[in-house]
Protein backbone atom coordinates (compact mmCIF):
# COMPACT_ATOMS: atom_id res chain seq x y z
CA MET A 1 14.22 -2.92 21.87
CA ALA A 2 12.39 -3.20 18.56
CA GLU A 3 13.10 -6.02 16.16
CA LYS A 4 14.80 -5.11 12.89
CA ASN A 5 12.77 -7.63 10.88
CA LYS A 6 9.39 -6.31 12.01
CA LEU A 7 7.30 -4.89 9.17
CA SER A 8 5.73 -1.46 9.51
CA ARG A 9 1.97 -1.00 9.49
CA ARG A 10 2.15 0.63 6.09
CA THR A 11 4.01 -2.35 4.63
CA VAL A 12 1.55 -4.83 6.12
CA ALA A 13 -1.38 -2.80 4.77
CA LEU A 14 0.24 -2.69 1.33
CA LEU A 15 0.78 -6.46 1.36
CA TRP A 16 -2.88 -7.01 2.31
CA CYS A 17 -4.01 -4.75 -0.55
CA VAL A 18 -1.81 -6.59 -3.04
CA ALA A 19 -3.06 -9.98 -1.83
CA ILE A 20 -6.70 -8.91 -2.07
CA GLY A 21 -6.07 -7.46 -5.51
CA VAL A 22 -4.57 -10.75 -6.68
CA VAL A 23 -7.54 -12.72 -5.32
CA ILE A 24 -9.99 -10.38 -7.05
CA GLY A 25 -8.01 -10.58 -10.29
CA VAL A 26 -7.97 -14.37 -10.20
CA LEU A 27 -11.72 -14.51 -9.54
CA ILE A 28 -12.40 -12.18 -12.46
CA TYR A 29 -10.03 -14.13 -14.73
CA PHE A 30 -11.78 -17.41 -13.99
CA GLU A 31 -15.20 -15.72 -14.32
CA GLN A 32 -16.27 -16.45 -10.74
CA ILE A 33 -18.33 -13.29 -10.47
CA ALA A 34 -20.99 -14.92 -8.27
CA LEU A 35 -18.33 -15.86 -5.72
CA LEU A 36 -16.94 -12.33 -5.93
CA TYR A 37 -20.40 -10.92 -5.12
CA VAL A 38 -20.70 -13.20 -2.08
CA ILE A 39 -17.25 -12.22 -0.79
CA ALA A 40 -17.99 -8.52 -1.33
CA THR A 41 -21.30 -8.78 0.51
CA ILE A 42 -19.76 -10.57 3.48
CA SER A 43 -16.93 -8.02 3.58
CA ILE A 44 -19.36 -5.08 3.64
CA VAL A 45 -21.39 -6.71 6.41
CA ALA A 46 -18.22 -7.32 8.46
CA LEU A 47 -17.13 -3.69 7.97
CA LEU A 48 -20.53 -2.40 9.05
CA ILE A 49 -20.48 -4.62 12.16
CA ILE A 50 -17.00 -3.37 13.09
CA VAL A 51 -18.06 0.27 12.66
CA GLY A 52 -21.30 -0.38 14.52
CA PHE A 53 -19.55 -1.81 17.57
CA SER A 54 -16.68 0.68 17.61
CA ASP A 55 -16.66 3.04 20.58
CA LEU A 56 -16.17 6.43 18.97
CA GLU A 57 -17.29 8.49 21.97
CA LYS A 58 -14.08 7.83 23.90
CA VAL A 59 -11.85 8.94 21.03
CA GLY A 60 -10.73 12.48 21.73
CA ARG A 61 -8.67 14.91 19.74
CA GLU A 62 -5.63 14.22 21.96
CA ASN A 63 -5.73 10.50 21.16
CA ILE A 64 -5.82 11.16 17.41
CA GLU A 65 -2.87 13.55 17.56
CA ASN A 66 -0.79 11.11 19.63
CA PHE A 67 -1.65 8.24 17.28
CA THR A 68 -0.36 10.01 14.17
CA GLU A 69 3.08 10.69 15.64
């Protein structure tokens, strides 16, 4: 039985985007551009590492269609 208070993936993703937007806005407001560059660089490196280690060969068309339902 699923919990009624559990947030959907879309809601969690939206909350993450809003939180990141607020952090970026605060850094720009306080003119911490150097810190923003460092965070952006680390984020890009983390994304590239995740994509580099992802196993995309085992993902078939059937898995994608079942995931979207």
